[in-house]
Amino acid sequence: MRGAYIFENLAYLELRYTPYLRTPDHLEQAERIEAMHTIVEVVGKAAQLGDCPIVTSQILCMHSRLPSAVNQAIVEVAAAHPEYVCAVDVAGGDVHYRDRLDEFARLYELARSHGLKTTGHLYETTDGCYPELLPYLMRIGHGIQIPLRYPELLPAVAARRQCLEVCPTTYLKTGTLDDLRELKVVFDRCFEAGVDIAICTDNAGLHNVRLPFEYENLLTYDIIDFRQLQACQEAAFRHAFAWPHDQRPESLLTDILQPEASSALSV
């Protein structure tokens, strides 16, 4: 986090993970569910760095390979710790969502009833396209197949004011795309339809890429221009789940050349 603040000029960071998978696997399920509270608290306290004023929060992920009772417990743990957790997600292989759509819809409704924000890994791959879940989401994790293969959905995405979380390097690492330039269609169609995009790192440590380099690659390959980059940065702050929304992103972006100003966001 210090590196993100000092070297990457980040102002906001979301820590996204499945807490159940961070508990000791030799414990019984009920014990692991209870241990999730401790995991969230430990992560939350560790993320509070007084010398680096970077806003952080956690997104707890349900998982397509976990039992329904565990996924519901993840939502309830998230709701129990509003000081540390801002949202819930669903992760795991998206092909495994198919037979559990009603379950995840119910759990998203539960999360919203607790005042939690919602996002979900959807439309990253051609196997993970489930329009049934879209109405429950405030942001769409990846979502690149919507503009690529289902552009007819873009007006509804725009009307719901949803934002796509686009992670460029991920799609090359996973083989979802063969060439980064394929993302130009994603950005062009979303801008035309009025759909916001936040440029994200997804897993910076695993992919060995940081947010400024994602920006640089998109600009170098003429996928977006500088004005569109600024629009994506503004959208990122606007859709950040735990960002203090009384702070206008435009004021941050005008300070981008000042060394004391942090003007980027990563999720």
C-alpha atoms as a PDB file:
ATOM      1  CA  MET A   1       0.000   0.000   0.000  1.00  0.00           C
ATOM      2  CA  ARG A   2       2.857   2.364   0.667  1.00  0.00           C
ATOM      3  CA  GLY A   3       4.227   1.552  -2.760  1.00  0.00           C
ATOM      4  CA  ALA A   4       0.830   2.143  -4.329  1.00  0.00           C
ATOM      5  CA  TYR A   5       0.592   5.539  -2.662  1.00  0.00           C
ATOM      6  CA  ILE A   6       4.185   6.725  -3.153  1.00  0.00           C
ATOM      7  CA  PHE A   7       5.158   5.224  -6.505  1.00  0.00           C
ATOM      8  CA  GLU A   8       1.805   4.896  -8.271  1.00  0.00           C
ATOM      9  CA  ASN A   9       0.103   8.020  -6.943  1.00  0.00           C
ATOM     10  CA  LEU A  10      -3.000   6.059  -5.943  1.00  0.00           C
ATOM     11  CA  ALA A  11      -5.678   7.662  -3.809  1.00  0.00           C
ATOM     12  CA  TYR A  12      -8.050   4.704  -3.509  1.00  0.00           C
ATOM     13  CA  LEU A  13      -7.650   0.946  -3.330  1.00  0.00           C
ATOM     14  CA  GLU A  14     -10.181  -1.866  -3.033  1.00  0.00           C
ATOM     15  CA  LEU A  15      -8.971  -5.165  -1.586  1.00  0.00           C
ATOM     16  CA  ARG A  16     -11.039  -7.969  -3.091  1.00  0.00           C
ATOM     17  CA  TYR A  17     -10.875 -11.577  -1.879  1.00  0.00           C
ATOM     18  CA  THR A  18     -12.896 -14.560  -0.625  1.00  0.00           C
ATOM     19  CA  PRO A  19     -12.483 -14.578   3.170  1.00  0.00           C
ATOM     20  CA  TYR A  20     -13.553 -18.199   3.588  1.00  0.00           C
ATOM     21  CA  LEU A  21     -10.564 -19.299   1.496  1.00  0.00           C
ATOM     22  CA  ARG A  22      -8.252 -17.418   3.885  1.00  0.00           C
ATOM     23  CA  THR A  23      -9.317 -19.502   6.880  1.00  0.00           C
ATOM     24  CA  PRO A  24      -7.571 -22.725   8.012  1.00  0.00           C
ATOM     25  CA  ASP A  25      -8.985 -25.579   5.965  1.00  0.00           C
ATOM     26  CA  HIS A  26      -8.667 -28.089   8.812  1.00  0.00           C
ATOM     27  CA  LEU A  27     -11.485 -26.354  10.680  1.00  0.00           C
ATOM     28  CA  GLU A  28     -15.135 -27.328  10.458  1.00  0.00           C
ATOM     29  CA  GLN A  29     -17.313 -25.202   8.171  1.00  0.00           C
ATOM     30  CA  ALA A  30     -18.989 -23.394  11.084  1.00  0.00           C
ATOM     31  CA  GLU A  31     -15.594 -22.574  12.589  1.00  0.00           C
ATOM     32  CA  ARG A  32     -14.304 -21.271   9.264  1.00  0.00           C
ATOM     33  CA  ILE A  33     -17.387 -19.078   8.896  1.00  0.00           C
ATOM     34  CA  GLU A  34     -16.778 -17.610  12.340  1.00  0.00           C
ATOM     35  CA  ALA A  35     -13.087 -17.082  11.524  1.00  0.00           C
ATOM     36  CA  MET A  36     -14.046 -14.893   8.556  1.00  0.00           C
ATOM     37  CA  HIS A  37     -14.880 -12.086  10.972  1.00  0.00           C
ATOM     38  CA  THR A  38     -11.316 -12.162  12.276  1.00  0.00           C
ATOM     39  CA  ILE A  39      -9.900 -12.192   8.748  1.00  0.00           C
ATOM     40  CA  VAL A  40     -11.885  -9.083   7.796  1.00  0.00           C
ATOM     41  CA  GLU A  41     -10.828  -7.274  10.954  1.00  0.00           C
ATOM     42  CA  VAL A  42      -7.143  -8.154  10.531  1.00  0.00           C
ATOM     43  CA  VAL A  43      -7.127  -6.980   6.914  1.00  0.00           C
ATOM     44  CA  GLY A  44      -9.071  -3.850   7.805  1.00  0.00           C
ATOM     45  CA  LYS A  45      -6.737  -2.815  10.606  1.00  0.00           C
ATOM     46  CA  ALA A  46      -3.612  -3.627   8.591  1.00  0.00           C
ATOM     47  CA  ALA A  47      -4.878  -1.393   5.770  1.00  0.00           C
ATOM     48  CA  GLN A  48      -4.988   1.678   7.995  1.00  0.00           C
ATOM     49  CA  LEU A  49      -1.659   3.390   7.369  1.00  0.00           C
ATOM     50  CA  GLY A  50      -1.343   6.806   8.948  1.00  0.00           C
ATOM     51  CA  ASP A  51       1.667   7.822   6.874  1.00  0.00           C
ATOM     52  CA  CYS A  52      -0.051   7.019   3.568  1.00  0.00           C
ATOM     53  CA  PRO A  53      -3.487   8.657   3.309  1.00  0.00           C
ATOM     54  CA  ILE A  54      -4.891   6.215   0.783  1.00  0.00           C
ATOM     55  CA  VAL A  55      -8.592   5.325   1.079  1.00  0.00           C
ATOM     56  CA  THR A  56      -9.089   1.561   1.272  1.00  0.00           C
ATOM     57  CA  SER A  57     -11.979  -0.813   1.697  1.00  0.00           C
ATOM     58  CA  GLN A  58     -12.701  -4.493   1.204  1.00  0.00           C
ATOM     59  CA  ILE A  59     -14.924  -6.316  -1.251  1.00  0.00           C
ATOM     60  CA  LEU A  60     -15.828  -9.798  -0.044  1.00  0.00           C
ATOM     61  CA  CYS A  61     -16.287 -12.380  -2.773  1.00  0.00           C
ATOM     62  CA  MET A  62     -18.785 -15.158  -2.758  1.00  0.00           C
ATOM     63  CA  HIS A  63     -17.479 -18.041  -4.815  1.00  0.00           C
ATOM     64  CA  SER A  64     -18.983 -20.271  -7.452  1.00  0.00           C
ATOM     65  CA  ARG A  65     -17.389 -23.354  -5.875  1.00  0.00           C
ATOM     66  CA  LEU A  66     -18.536 -22.694  -2.303  1.00  0.00           C
ATOM     67  CA  PRO A  67     -21.769 -23.998  -0.751  1.00  0.00           C
ATOM     68  CA  SER A  68     -24.782 -21.704  -0.578  1.00  0.00           C
ATOM     69  CA  ALA A  69     -24.591 -21.498   3.214  1.00  0.00           C
ATOM     70  CA  VAL A  70     -21.010 -20.253   3.040  1.00  0.00           C
ATOM     71  CA  ASN A  71     -21.832 -17.686   0.383  1.00  0.00           C
ATOM     72  CA  GLN A  72     -24.711 -16.375   2.484  1.00  0.00           C
ATOM     73  CA  ALA A  73     -22.373 -16.191   5.466  1.00  0.00           C
ATOM     74  CA  ILE A  74     -19.941 -14.119   3.390  1.00  0.00           C
ATOM     75  CA  VAL A  75     -22.709 -11.586   2.704  1.00  0.00           C
ATOM     76  CA  GLU A  76     -23.610 -11.510   6.391  1.00  0.00           C
ATOM     77  CA  VAL A  77     -19.976 -11.039   7.420  1.00  0.00           C
ATOM     78  CA  ALA A  78     -19.710  -8.161   4.954  1.00  0.00           C
ATOM     79  CA  ALA A  79     -22.823  -6.557   6.443  1.00  0.00           C
ATOM     80  CA  ALA A  80     -21.437  -6.977   9.964  1.00  0.00           C
ATOM     81  CA  HIS A  81     -18.324  -4.935   9.204  1.00  0.00           C
ATOM     82  CA  PRO A  82     -19.348  -1.734   7.389  1.00  0.00           C
ATOM     83  CA  GLU A  83     -16.260   0.011   8.741  1.00  0.00           C
ATOM     84  CA  TYR A  84     -14.087  -2.332   6.663  1.00  0.00           C
ATOM     85  CA  VAL A  85     -16.293  -3.740   3.867  1.00  0.00           C
ATOM     86  CA  CYS A  86     -18.041  -1.770   1.143  1.00  0.00           C
ATOM     87  CA  ALA A  87     -19.358  -4.431  -1.254  1.00  0.00           C
ATOM     88  CA  VAL A  88     -19.789  -8.063  -2.226  1.00  0.00           C
ATOM     89  CA  ASP A  89     -18.763  -9.834  -5.410  1.00  0.00           C
ATOM     90  CA  VAL A  90     -18.957 -13.332  -6.831  1.00  0.00           C
ATOM     91  CA  ALA A  91     -15.773 -14.977  -8.053  1.00  0.00           C
ATOM     92  CA  GLY A  92     -14.652 -18.359  -9.274  1.00  0.00           C
ATOM     93  CA  GLY A  93     -15.031 -19.872 -12.712  1.00  0.00           C
ATOM     94  CA  ASP A  94     -17.979 -18.101 -14.281  1.00  0.00           C
ATOM     95  CA  VAL A  95     -19.066 -21.265 -16.101  1.00  0.00           C
ATOM     96  CA  HIS A  96     -20.076 -22.583 -12.673  1.00  0.00           C
ATOM     97  CA  TYR A  97     -22.603 -19.771 -12.129  1.00  0.00           C
ATOM     98  CA  ARG A  98     -24.995 -21.253 -14.674  1.00  0.00           C
ATOM     99  CA  ASP A  99     -26.880 -23.635 -12.372  1.00  0.00           C
ATOM    100  CA  ARG A 100     -26.884 -21.202  -9.429  1.00  0.00           C
ATOM    101  CA  LEU A 101     -28.215 -17.974 -10.914  1.00  0.00           C
ATOM    102  CA  ASP A 102     -31.281 -17.875  -8.654  1.00  0.00           C
ATOM    103  CA  GLU A 103     -29.074 -18.394  -5.612  1.00  0.00           C
ATOM    104  CA  PHE A 104     -26.711 -15.560  -6.490  1.00  0.00           C
ATOM    105  CA  ALA A 105     -29.605 -13.259  -7.376  1.00  0.00           C
ATOM    106  CA  ARG A 106     -31.095 -13.916  -3.934  1.00  0.00           C
ATOM    107  CA  LEU A 107     -27.767 -13.248  -2.223  1.00  0.00           C
ATOM    108  CA  TYR A 108     -27.276 -10.012  -4.140  1.00  0.00           C
ATOM    109  CA  GLU A 109     -30.744  -8.933  -3.031  1.00  0.00           C
ATOM    110  CA  LEU A 110     -29.754  -9.771   0.543  1.00  0.00           C
ATOM    111  CA  ALA A 111     -26.578  -7.707   0.187  1.00  0.00           C
ATOM    112  CA  ARG A 112     -28.494  -4.718  -1.195  1.00  0.00           C
ATOM    113  CA  SER A 113     -30.994  -4.979   1.687  1.00  0.00           C
ATOM    114  CA  HIS A 114     -28.040  -4.546   4.068  1.00  0.00           C
ATOM    115  CA  GLY A 115     -26.881  -1.440   2.217  1.00  0.00           C
ATOM    116  CA  LEU A 116     -23.915  -3.165   0.605  1.00  0.00           C
ATOM    117  CA  LYS A 117     -22.703  -2.270  -2.878  1.00  0.00           C
ATOM    118  CA  THR A 118     -22.567  -5.053  -5.492  1.00  0.00           C
ATOM    119  CA  THR A 119     -20.328  -6.137  -8.315  1.00  0.00           C
ATOM    120  CA  GLY A 120     -19.779  -9.461 -10.045  1.00  0.00           C
ATOM    121  CA  HIS A 121     -17.422 -11.175 -12.460  1.00  0.00           C
ATOM    122  CA  LEU A 122     -19.596 -11.391 -15.572  1.00  0.00           C
ATOM    123  CA  TYR A 123     -19.154 -11.205 -19.328  1.00  0.00           C
ATOM    124  CA  GLU A 124     -15.376 -11.561 -19.096  1.00  0.00           C
ATOM    125  CA  THR A 125     -15.425 -14.750 -21.129  1.00  0.00           C
ATOM    126  CA  THR A 126     -17.910 -16.079 -23.644  1.00  0.00           C
ATOM    127  CA  ASP A 127     -18.973 -18.681 -21.044  1.00  0.00           C
ATOM    128  CA  GLY A 128     -19.814 -16.138 -18.350  1.00  0.00           C
ATOM    129  CA  CYS A 129     -22.654 -14.218 -20.002  1.00  0.00           C
ATOM    130  CA  TYR A 130     -25.658 -14.199 -17.683  1.00  0.00           C
ATOM    131  CA  PRO A 131     -28.041 -11.281 -18.273  1.00  0.00           C
ATOM    132  CA  GLU A 132     -30.178 -12.517 -15.377  1.00  0.00           C
ATOM    133  CA  LEU A 133     -27.615 -11.192 -12.879  1.00  0.00           C
ATOM    134  CA  LEU A 134     -26.988  -7.799 -14.471  1.00  0.00           C
ATOM    135  CA  PRO A 135     -29.886  -5.961 -12.769  1.00  0.00           C
ATOM    136  CA  TYR A 136     -28.459  -6.801  -9.332  1.00  0.00           C
ATOM    137  CA  LEU A 137     -25.056  -5.227  -9.962  1.00  0.00           C
ATOM    138  CA  MET A 138     -23.844  -1.681  -9.465  1.00  0.00           C
ATOM    139  CA  ARG A 139     -20.592  -2.420 -11.268  1.00  0.00           C
ATOM    140  CA  ILE A 140     -19.804  -5.231 -13.696  1.00  0.00           C
ATOM    141  CA  GLY A 141     -16.536  -7.061 -13.151  1.00  0.00           C
ATOM    142  CA  HIS A 142     -14.881  -6.990 -16.581  1.00  0.00           C
ATOM    143  CA  GLY A 143     -18.004  -7.086 -18.754  1.00  0.00           C
ATOM    144  CA  ILE A 144     -16.015  -6.820 -21.987  1.00  0.00           C
ATOM    145  CA  GLN A 145     -18.161  -9.348 -23.843  1.00  0.00           C
ATOM    146  CA  ILE A 146     -21.114  -6.959 -23.595  1.00  0.00           C
ATOM    147  CA  PRO A 147     -19.679  -4.425 -26.068  1.00  0.00           C
ATOM    148  CA  LEU A 148     -17.840  -7.138 -28.008  1.00  0.00           C
ATOM    149  CA  ARG A 149     -20.672  -9.655 -28.499  1.00  0.00           C
ATOM    150  CA  TYR A 150     -23.850  -8.232 -26.971  1.00  0.00           C
ATOM    151  CA  PRO A 151     -23.824  -4.481 -27.738  1.00  0.00           C
ATOM    152  CA  GLU A 152     -27.624  -4.497 -27.660  1.00  0.00           C
ATOM    153  CA  LEU A 153     -27.305  -4.671 -23.850  1.00  0.00           C
ATOM    154  CA  LEU A 154     -25.346  -1.410 -23.621  1.00  0.00           C
ATOM    155  CA  PRO A 155     -28.384   0.927 -23.468  1.00  0.00           C
ATOM    156  CA  ALA A 156     -29.733  -0.939 -20.432  1.00  0.00           C
ATOM    157  CA  VAL A 157     -26.288  -0.906 -18.781  1.00  0.00           C
ATOM    158  CA  ALA A 158     -26.121   2.846 -19.363  1.00  0.00           C
ATOM    159  CA  ALA A 159     -29.656   3.359 -18.027  1.00  0.00           C
ATOM    160  CA  ARG A 160     -28.757   1.505 -14.820  1.00  0.00           C
ATOM    161  CA  ARG A 161     -25.599   3.660 -14.562  1.00  0.00           C
ATOM    162  CA  GLN A 162     -23.428   0.598 -14.241  1.00  0.00           C
ATOM    163  CA  CYS A 163     -19.681   0.725 -14.727  1.00  0.00           C
ATOM    164  CA  LEU A 164     -17.431  -1.870 -16.357  1.00  0.00           C
ATOM    165  CA  GLU A 165     -14.289  -2.831 -14.446  1.00  0.00           C
ATOM    166  CA  VAL A 166     -11.885  -3.371 -17.351  1.00  0.00           C
ATOM    167  CA  CYS A 167      -8.532  -5.005 -16.549  1.00  0.00           C
ATOM    168  CA  PRO A 168      -6.489  -4.955 -19.787  1.00  0.00           C
ATOM    169  CA  THR A 169      -3.507  -7.150 -18.882  1.00  0.00           C
ATOM    170  CA  THR A 170      -5.753  -9.844 -17.422  1.00  0.00           C
ATOM    171  CA  TYR A 171      -7.286 -10.657 -20.798  1.00  0.00           C
ATOM    172  CA  LEU A 172      -3.883 -11.353 -22.337  1.00  0.00           C
ATOM    173  CA  LYS A 173      -2.760 -13.438 -19.368  1.00  0.00           C
ATOM    174  CA  THR A 174      -5.926 -15.561 -19.388  1.00  0.00           C
ATOM    175  CA  GLY A 175      -6.135 -15.861 -23.167  1.00  0.00           C
ATOM    176  CA  THR A 176      -9.500 -14.117 -23.284  1.00  0.00           C
ATOM    177  CA  LEU A 177      -8.041 -11.761 -25.898  1.00  0.00           C
ATOM    178  CA  ASP A 178      -5.163 -12.353 -28.290  1.00  0.00           C
ATOM    179  CA  ASP A 179      -4.279  -8.703 -28.758  1.00  0.00           C
ATOM    180  CA  LEU A 180      -4.764  -5.704 -26.511  1.00  0.00           C
ATOM    181  CA  ARG A 181      -6.023  -3.733 -29.510  1.00  0.00           C
ATOM    182  CA  GLU A 182      -9.239  -5.746 -29.385  1.00  0.00           C
ATOM    183  CA  LEU A 183     -10.193  -3.551 -26.435  1.00  0.00           C
ATOM    184  CA  LYS A 184     -10.605  -0.546 -28.727  1.00  0.00           C
ATOM    185  CA  VAL A 185     -14.046  -1.850 -29.706  1.00  0.00           C
ATOM    186  CA  VAL A 186     -14.906  -2.161 -26.015  1.00  0.00           C
ATOM    187  CA  PHE A 187     -13.980   1.434 -25.238  1.00  0.00           C
ATOM    188  CA  ASP A 188     -15.435   2.906 -28.428  1.00  0.00           C
ATOM    189  CA  ARG A 189     -18.823   1.220 -28.062  1.00  0.00           C
ATOM    190  CA  CYS A 190     -19.061   2.034 -24.365  1.00  0.00           C
ATOM    191  CA  PHE A 191     -18.244   5.705 -24.931  1.00  0.00           C
ATOM    192  CA  GLU A 192     -20.806   5.852 -27.718  1.00  0.00           C
ATOM    193  CA  ALA A 193     -23.477   4.275 -25.498  1.00  0.00           C
ATOM    194  CA  GLY A 194     -22.656   6.371 -22.432  1.00  0.00           C
ATOM    195  CA  VAL A 195     -21.397   3.420 -20.394  1.00  0.00           C
ATOM    196  CA  ASP A 196     -18.686   4.217 -17.850  1.00  0.00           C
ATOM    197  CA  ILE A 197     -15.419   2.258 -17.719  1.00  0.00           C
ATOM    198  CA  ALA A 198     -12.986   2.093 -14.821  1.00  0.00           C
ATOM    199  CA  ILE A 199      -9.502   0.917 -15.786  1.00  0.00           C
ATOM    200  CA  CYS A 200      -8.308  -1.558 -13.150  1.00  0.00           C
ATOM    201  CA  THR A 201      -5.334  -3.800 -12.412  1.00  0.00           C
ATOM    202  CA  ASP A 202      -7.266  -6.901 -11.296  1.00  0.00           C
ATOM    203  CA  ASN A 203      -4.219  -8.647  -9.799  1.00  0.00           C
ATOM    204  CA  ALA A 204      -1.229  -6.331 -10.011  1.00  0.00           C
ATOM    205  CA  GLY A 205       1.076  -8.605  -8.031  1.00  0.00           C
ATOM    206  CA  LEU A 206       0.345 -11.732 -10.050  1.00  0.00           C
ATOM    207  CA  HIS A 207       0.456  -9.992 -13.429  1.00  0.00           C
ATOM    208  CA  ASN A 208       3.395  -7.740 -12.514  1.00  0.00           C
ATOM    209  CA  VAL A 209       1.684  -4.662 -13.911  1.00  0.00           C
ATOM    210  CA  ARG A 210       0.618  -1.492 -12.128  1.00  0.00           C
ATOM    211  CA  LEU A 211      -2.133   0.948 -12.965  1.00  0.00           C
ATOM    212  CA  PRO A 212       0.090   3.585 -14.649  1.00  0.00           C
ATOM    213  CA  PHE A 213       1.341   0.920 -17.050  1.00  0.00           C
ATOM    214  CA  GLU A 214      -2.199  -0.134 -17.886  1.00  0.00           C
ATOM    215  CA  TYR A 215      -2.803   3.507 -18.810  1.00  0.00           C
ATOM    216  CA  GLU A 216       0.411   3.655 -20.814  1.00  0.00           C
ATOM    217  CA  ASN A 217      -0.378   0.521 -22.798  1.00  0.00           C
ATOM    218  CA  LEU A 218      -3.871   1.709 -23.699  1.00  0.00           C
ATOM    219  CA  LEU A 219      -2.491   5.047 -24.870  1.00  0.00           C
ATOM    220  CA  THR A 220       0.487   3.568 -26.716  1.00  0.00           C
ATOM    221  CA  TYR A 221      -1.710   1.229 -28.748  1.00  0.00           C
ATOM    222  CA  ASP A 222      -4.174   4.052 -29.518  1.00  0.00           C
ATOM    223  CA  ILE A 223      -6.965   2.174 -27.793  1.00  0.00           C
ATOM    224  CA  ILE A 224      -7.953   5.354 -25.978  1.00  0.00           C
ATOM    225  CA  ASP A 225      -6.760   8.954 -26.094  1.00  0.00           C
ATOM    226  CA  PHE A 226      -5.882  11.223 -23.176  1.00  0.00           C
ATOM    227  CA  ARG A 227      -9.364  12.724 -22.984  1.00  0.00           C
ATOM    228  CA  GLN A 228     -10.882   9.252 -22.768  1.00  0.00           C
ATOM    229  CA  LEU A 229      -8.315   8.286 -20.129  1.00  0.00           C
ATOM    230  CA  GLN A 230      -9.427  11.231 -18.036  1.00  0.00           C
ATOM    231  CA  ALA A 231     -13.058  10.203 -18.513  1.00  0.00           C
ATOM    232  CA  CYS A 232     -12.191   6.701 -17.252  1.00  0.00           C
ATOM    233  CA  GLN A 233     -10.376   8.137 -14.233  1.00  0.00           C
ATOM    234  CA  GLU A 234     -13.359  10.306 -13.391  1.00  0.00           C
ATOM    235  CA  ALA A 235     -15.670   7.309 -13.783  1.00  0.00           C
ATOM    236  CA  ALA A 236     -13.447   5.278 -11.464  1.00  0.00           C
ATOM    237  CA  PHE A 237     -13.813   7.816  -8.675  1.00  0.00           C
ATOM    238  CA  ARG A 238     -17.511   8.248  -9.372  1.00  0.00           C
ATOM    239  CA  HIS A 239     -18.146   4.504  -9.036  1.00  0.00           C
ATOM    240  CA  ALA A 240     -15.664   3.812  -6.222  1.00  0.00           C
ATOM    241  CA  PHE A 241     -17.722   2.110  -3.548  1.00  0.00           C
ATOM    242  CA  ALA A 242     -16.027   3.640  -0.509  1.00  0.00           C
ATOM    243  CA  TRP A 243     -14.756   6.928  -1.934  1.00  0.00           C
ATOM    244  CA  PRO A 244     -16.009  10.058  -0.102  1.00  0.00           C
ATOM    245  CA  HIS A 245     -18.337  11.221  -2.845  1.00  0.00           C
ATOM    246  CA  ASP A 246     -18.477  14.812  -1.637  1.00  0.00           C
ATOM    247  CA  GLN A 247     -15.000  15.102  -3.180  1.00  0.00           C
ATOM    248  CA  ARG A 248     -15.293  15.804  -6.871  1.00  0.00           C
ATOM    249  CA  PRO A 249     -12.940  13.693  -9.007  1.00  0.00           C
ATOM    250  CA  GLU A 250     -12.360  16.641 -11.333  1.00  0.00           C
ATOM    251  CA  SER A 251     -10.610  18.549  -8.550  1.00  0.00           C
ATOM    252  CA  LEU A 252      -8.279  15.616  -7.983  1.00  0.00           C
ATOM    253  CA  LEU A 253      -7.468  15.251 -11.647  1.00  0.00           C
ATOM    254  CA  THR A 254      -6.550  18.900 -12.037  1.00  0.00           C
ATOM    255  CA  ASP A 255      -3.923  18.348  -9.355  1.00  0.00           C
ATOM    256  CA  ILE A 256      -2.340  15.395 -11.131  1.00  0.00           C
ATOM    257  CA  LEU A 257       1.019  17.141 -11.630  1.00  0.00           C
ATOM    258  CA  GLN A 258       1.340  18.166  -7.991  1.00  0.00           C
ATOM    259  CA  PRO A 259       3.550  15.665  -6.130  1.00  0.00           C
ATOM    260  CA  GLU A 260       1.425  15.821  -3.003  1.00  0.00           C
ATOM    261  CA  ALA A 261      -1.773  14.894  -4.846  1.00  0.00           C
ATOM    262  CA  SER A 262      -2.875  11.305  -5.365  1.00  0.00           C
ATOM    263  CA  SER A 263      -5.022  11.137  -8.440  1.00  0.00           C
ATOM    264  CA  ALA A 264      -5.501   7.546  -9.470  1.00  0.00           C
ATOM    265  CA  LEU A 265      -7.668   4.680  -8.395  1.00  0.00           C
ATOM    266  CA  SER A 266      -7.212   0.941  -8.467  1.00  0.00           C
ATOM    267  CA  VAL A 267      -9.656  -1.866  -7.794  1.00  0.00           C
END
